[in-house]
Amino acid sequence: MKYHFKVHQEEKYLWAQCVELEGCFTQAESEEELQRNMREALNLYVYEPEDSKELAPLPDESIKLSKHVVEVPVDPEIAFSFMVRYHRIHNHLTQKQAAKKMGFKSLYSYQRLEMKCNATLDMIAKVKELFPDFSIDLAFS
């Protein structure tokens, strides 16, 4: 999952704003530092509190890259968890309902899936079974 940042330069400083995510900004003194800061800002923005009902929008794949517009990937563990949560909410399921449909023995086990996680192939298969339109490519691109 990759979002787009527009990079700006003012005197000796660089700053960037995410095109798709309102309020997602960062700054730096070098291009290398800006790359790290964009990724950190993006991960923090997408990694929302579990009790939040608000979801960040998905990346806009129609945005064209240019000299000043760059792609920044979300860490895979965060992207996967975000996508699980995104599909659960869009399918009007509670965490408890999703946990039951996926065969989890406890709600806490399911909740860990919506946190930063490193999913197994078995878990990915369970997610795809519950949410057939879940895009592995989008979560891990």
C-alpha atoms as a PDB file:
ATOM      1  CA  MET A   1       0.000   0.000   0.000  1.00  0.00           C
ATOM      2  CA  LYS A   2       1.587   3.239  -1.157  1.00  0.00           C
ATOM      3  CA  TYR A   3       0.408   6.783  -0.633  1.00  0.00           C
ATOM      4  CA  HIS A   4       1.638   9.887  -2.422  1.00  0.00           C
ATOM      5  CA  PHE A   5       3.511  12.820  -0.939  1.00  0.00           C
ATOM      6  CA  LYS A   6       4.089  16.178  -2.571  1.00  0.00           C
ATOM      7  CA  VAL A   7       7.588  17.385  -1.691  1.00  0.00           C
ATOM      8  CA  HIS A   8       8.345  21.084  -1.225  1.00  0.00           C
ATOM      9  CA  GLN A   9      11.603  22.923  -0.653  1.00  0.00           C
ATOM     10  CA  GLU A  10      11.922  26.182   1.222  1.00  0.00           C
ATOM     11  CA  GLU A  11      15.429  27.566   1.556  1.00  0.00           C
ATOM     12  CA  LYS A  12      17.469  24.716   3.054  1.00  0.00           C
ATOM     13  CA  TYR A  13      14.520  22.730   4.443  1.00  0.00           C
ATOM     14  CA  LEU A  14      12.263  20.146   2.839  1.00  0.00           C
ATOM     15  CA  TRP A  15       8.688  19.395   3.784  1.00  0.00           C
ATOM     16  CA  ALA A  16       6.072  17.046   2.410  1.00  0.00           C
ATOM     17  CA  GLN A  17       2.350  16.540   2.610  1.00  0.00           C
ATOM     18  CA  CYS A  18       0.428  13.396   1.817  1.00  0.00           C
ATOM     19  CA  VAL A  19      -1.911  14.034  -1.101  1.00  0.00           C
ATOM     20  CA  GLU A  20      -4.587  11.552   0.036  1.00  0.00           C
ATOM     21  CA  LEU A  21      -4.446  12.066   3.813  1.00  0.00           C
ATOM     22  CA  GLU A  22      -5.445  15.470   5.111  1.00  0.00           C
ATOM     23  CA  GLY A  23      -3.159  16.622   7.902  1.00  0.00           C
ATOM     24  CA  CYS A  24      -0.340  14.160   7.195  1.00  0.00           C
ATOM     25  CA  PHE A  25       2.783  16.355   6.967  1.00  0.00           C
ATOM     26  CA  THR A  26       6.465  16.098   7.792  1.00  0.00           C
ATOM     27  CA  GLN A  27       9.712  18.006   7.345  1.00  0.00           C
ATOM     28  CA  ALA A  28      13.449  17.403   7.228  1.00  0.00           C
ATOM     29  CA  GLU A  29      16.839  18.880   6.428  1.00  0.00           C
ATOM     30  CA  SER A  30      17.854  16.228   3.868  1.00  0.00           C
ATOM     31  CA  GLU A  31      16.180  13.980   1.300  1.00  0.00           C
ATOM     32  CA  GLU A  32      17.162  10.843   3.248  1.00  0.00           C
ATOM     33  CA  GLU A  33      15.702  12.225   6.463  1.00  0.00           C
ATOM     34  CA  LEU A  34      12.546  13.300   4.594  1.00  0.00           C
ATOM     35  CA  GLN A  35      12.082   9.755   3.231  1.00  0.00           C
ATOM     36  CA  ARG A  36      12.264   8.317   6.756  1.00  0.00           C
ATOM     37  CA  ASN A  37       9.979  11.007   8.142  1.00  0.00           C
ATOM     38  CA  MET A  38       7.367  10.550   5.392  1.00  0.00           C
ATOM     39  CA  ARG A  39       7.203   6.832   6.111  1.00  0.00           C
ATOM     40  CA  GLU A  40       6.968   7.413   9.861  1.00  0.00           C
ATOM     41  CA  ALA A  41       4.238  10.068   9.474  1.00  0.00           C
ATOM     42  CA  LEU A  42       2.300   7.805   7.110  1.00  0.00           C
ATOM     43  CA  ASN A  43       2.523   4.778   9.398  1.00  0.00           C
ATOM     44  CA  LEU A  44       1.373   6.820  12.395  1.00  0.00           C
ATOM     45  CA  TYR A  45      -1.542   8.265  10.427  1.00  0.00           C
ATOM     46  CA  VAL A  46      -2.760   4.910   9.094  1.00  0.00           C
ATOM     47  CA  TYR A  47      -2.199   3.048  12.375  1.00  0.00           C
ATOM     48  CA  GLU A  48      -5.343   4.333  14.057  1.00  0.00           C
ATOM     49  CA  PRO A  49      -6.600   3.582  17.549  1.00  0.00           C
ATOM     50  CA  GLU A  50      -8.739   0.468  17.620  1.00  0.00           C
ATOM     51  CA  ASP A  51     -11.747   2.323  19.044  1.00  0.00           C
ATOM     52  CA  SER A  52     -11.727   4.873  16.209  1.00  0.00           C
ATOM     53  CA  LYS A  53     -14.606   4.633  13.773  1.00  0.00           C
ATOM     54  CA  GLU A  54     -12.801   6.846  11.279  1.00  0.00           C
ATOM     55  CA  LEU A  55     -10.732   5.220   8.563  1.00  0.00           C
ATOM     56  CA  ALA A  56      -8.079   6.770   6.397  1.00  0.00           C
ATOM     57  CA  PRO A  57      -9.021   6.622   2.715  1.00  0.00           C
ATOM     58  CA  LEU A  58      -7.290   4.081   0.501  1.00  0.00           C
ATOM     59  CA  PRO A  59      -4.471   5.321  -1.735  1.00  0.00           C
ATOM     60  CA  ASP A  60      -5.529   7.020  -4.966  1.00  0.00           C
ATOM     61  CA  GLU A  61      -3.908   4.973  -7.702  1.00  0.00           C
ATOM     62  CA  SER A  62      -4.723   7.604 -10.338  1.00  0.00           C
ATOM     63  CA  ILE A  63      -2.191  10.071  -8.894  1.00  0.00           C
ATOM     64  CA  LYS A  64       0.749  10.451 -11.231  1.00  0.00           C
ATOM     65  CA  LEU A  65       4.319  10.457  -9.967  1.00  0.00           C
ATOM     66  CA  SER A  66       6.528  13.399 -10.845  1.00  0.00           C
ATOM     67  CA  LYS A  67       9.660  15.143  -9.684  1.00  0.00           C
ATOM     68  CA  HIS A  68       7.718  16.537  -6.710  1.00  0.00           C
ATOM     69  CA  VAL A  69       5.185  13.728  -6.111  1.00  0.00           C
ATOM     70  CA  VAL A  70       6.606  10.495  -4.690  1.00  0.00           C
ATOM     71  CA  GLU A  71       5.171   7.190  -3.467  1.00  0.00           C
ATOM     72  CA  VAL A  72       5.710   6.194   0.141  1.00  0.00           C
ATOM     73  CA  PRO A  73       4.889   2.648   1.295  1.00  0.00           C
ATOM     74  CA  VAL A  74       3.089   1.780   4.514  1.00  0.00           C
ATOM     75  CA  ASP A  75       4.926  -0.852   6.569  1.00  0.00           C
ATOM     76  CA  PRO A  76       3.425  -4.253   5.592  1.00  0.00           C
ATOM     77  CA  GLU A  77       2.325  -5.156   9.134  1.00  0.00           C
ATOM     78  CA  ILE A  78       0.422  -1.892   9.446  1.00  0.00           C
ATOM     79  CA  ALA A  79      -0.983  -2.087   5.903  1.00  0.00           C
ATOM     80  CA  PHE A  80      -2.337  -5.606   6.447  1.00  0.00           C
ATOM     81  CA  SER A  81      -3.955  -4.685   9.775  1.00  0.00           C
ATOM     82  CA  PHE A  82      -5.431  -1.517   8.270  1.00  0.00           C
ATOM     83  CA  MET A  83      -6.910  -3.462   5.354  1.00  0.00           C
ATOM     84  CA  VAL A  84      -8.490  -6.057   7.685  1.00  0.00           C
ATOM     85  CA  ARG A  85     -10.049  -3.281   9.745  1.00  0.00           C
ATOM     86  CA  TYR A  86     -11.119  -1.410   6.593  1.00  0.00           C
ATOM     87  CA  HIS A  87     -12.956  -4.452   5.220  1.00  0.00           C
ATOM     88  CA  ARG A  88     -14.542  -5.305   8.562  1.00  0.00           C
ATOM     89  CA  ILE A  89     -15.975  -1.805   8.937  1.00  0.00           C
ATOM     90  CA  HIS A  90     -17.112  -1.627   5.301  1.00  0.00           C
ATOM     91  CA  ASN A  91     -18.873  -4.969   5.750  1.00  0.00           C
ATOM     92  CA  HIS A  92     -20.650  -3.597   8.856  1.00  0.00           C
ATOM     93  CA  LEU A  93     -19.177  -6.174  11.221  1.00  0.00           C
ATOM     94  CA  THR A  94     -18.099  -5.677  14.800  1.00  0.00           C
ATOM     95  CA  GLN A  95     -14.786  -7.137  15.914  1.00  0.00           C
ATOM     96  CA  LYS A  96     -16.737  -9.764  17.846  1.00  0.00           C
ATOM     97  CA  GLN A  97     -18.722 -10.777  14.739  1.00  0.00           C
ATOM     98  CA  ALA A  98     -15.576 -10.956  12.588  1.00  0.00           C
ATOM     99  CA  ALA A  99     -13.791 -13.003  15.266  1.00  0.00           C
ATOM    100  CA  LYS A 100     -16.659 -15.488  15.401  1.00  0.00           C
ATOM    101  CA  LYS A 101     -16.910 -15.822  11.599  1.00  0.00           C
ATOM    102  CA  MET A 102     -13.154 -16.439  11.366  1.00  0.00           C
ATOM    103  CA  GLY A 103     -13.201 -19.039  14.145  1.00  0.00           C
ATOM    104  CA  PHE A 104     -11.139 -17.158  16.734  1.00  0.00           C
ATOM    105  CA  LYS A 105     -11.419 -18.544  20.252  1.00  0.00           C
ATOM    106  CA  SER A 106     -11.215 -15.103  21.817  1.00  0.00           C
ATOM    107  CA  LEU A 107     -11.958 -11.539  20.800  1.00  0.00           C
ATOM    108  CA  TYR A 108      -8.450 -10.539  21.872  1.00  0.00           C
ATOM    109  CA  SER A 109      -6.922 -12.892  19.282  1.00  0.00           C
ATOM    110  CA  TYR A 110      -8.904 -11.152  16.555  1.00  0.00           C
ATOM    111  CA  GLN A 111      -8.077  -7.690  17.908  1.00  0.00           C
ATOM    112  CA  ARG A 112      -4.374  -8.478  17.572  1.00  0.00           C
ATOM    113  CA  LEU A 113      -5.021  -8.991  13.851  1.00  0.00           C
ATOM    114  CA  GLU A 114      -6.220  -5.388  13.579  1.00  0.00           C
ATOM    115  CA  MET A 115      -3.109  -4.167  15.364  1.00  0.00           C
ATOM    116  CA  LYS A 116       0.326  -4.188  13.800  1.00  0.00           C
ATOM    117  CA  CYS A 117       0.744  -7.860  12.920  1.00  0.00           C
ATOM    118  CA  ASN A 118       2.819 -10.221  10.835  1.00  0.00           C
ATOM    119  CA  ALA A 119       0.105 -12.486   9.419  1.00  0.00           C
ATOM    120  CA  THR A 120       0.715 -16.143   8.581  1.00  0.00           C
ATOM    121  CA  LEU A 121      -0.451 -17.676   5.316  1.00  0.00           C
ATOM    122  CA  ASP A 122      -3.210 -19.461   7.236  1.00  0.00           C
ATOM    123  CA  MET A 123      -4.395 -16.130   8.645  1.00  0.00           C
ATOM    124  CA  ILE A 124      -4.298 -14.487   5.212  1.00  0.00           C
ATOM    125  CA  ALA A 125      -6.459 -17.357   3.892  1.00  0.00           C
ATOM    126  CA  LYS A 126      -8.996 -16.806   6.704  1.00  0.00           C
ATOM    127  CA  VAL A 127      -9.129 -13.088   5.939  1.00  0.00           C
ATOM    128  CA  LYS A 128      -9.659 -13.768   2.217  1.00  0.00           C
ATOM    129  CA  GLU A 129     -12.430 -16.244   3.048  1.00  0.00           C
ATOM    130  CA  LEU A 130     -14.314 -13.683   5.165  1.00  0.00           C
ATOM    131  CA  PHE A 131     -13.536 -10.732   2.879  1.00  0.00           C
ATOM    132  CA  PRO A 132     -13.236 -12.062  -0.700  1.00  0.00           C
ATOM    133  CA  ASP A 133     -12.507  -8.586  -2.079  1.00  0.00           C
ATOM    134  CA  PHE A 134      -9.527  -8.140   0.297  1.00  0.00           C
ATOM    135  CA  SER A 135      -6.576  -7.200  -1.928  1.00  0.00           C
ATOM    136  CA  ILE A 136      -3.333  -8.890  -0.938  1.00  0.00           C
ATOM    137  CA  ASP A 137      -1.646  -6.873  -3.681  1.00  0.00           C
ATOM    138  CA  LEU A 138      -2.832  -3.558  -2.233  1.00  0.00           C
ATOM    139  CA  ALA A 139      -1.885  -4.540   1.325  1.00  0.00           C
ATOM    140  CA  PHE A 140       1.629  -5.620   0.330  1.00  0.00           C
ATOM    141  CA  SER A 141       2.476  -3.438  -2.652  1.00  0.00           C
END
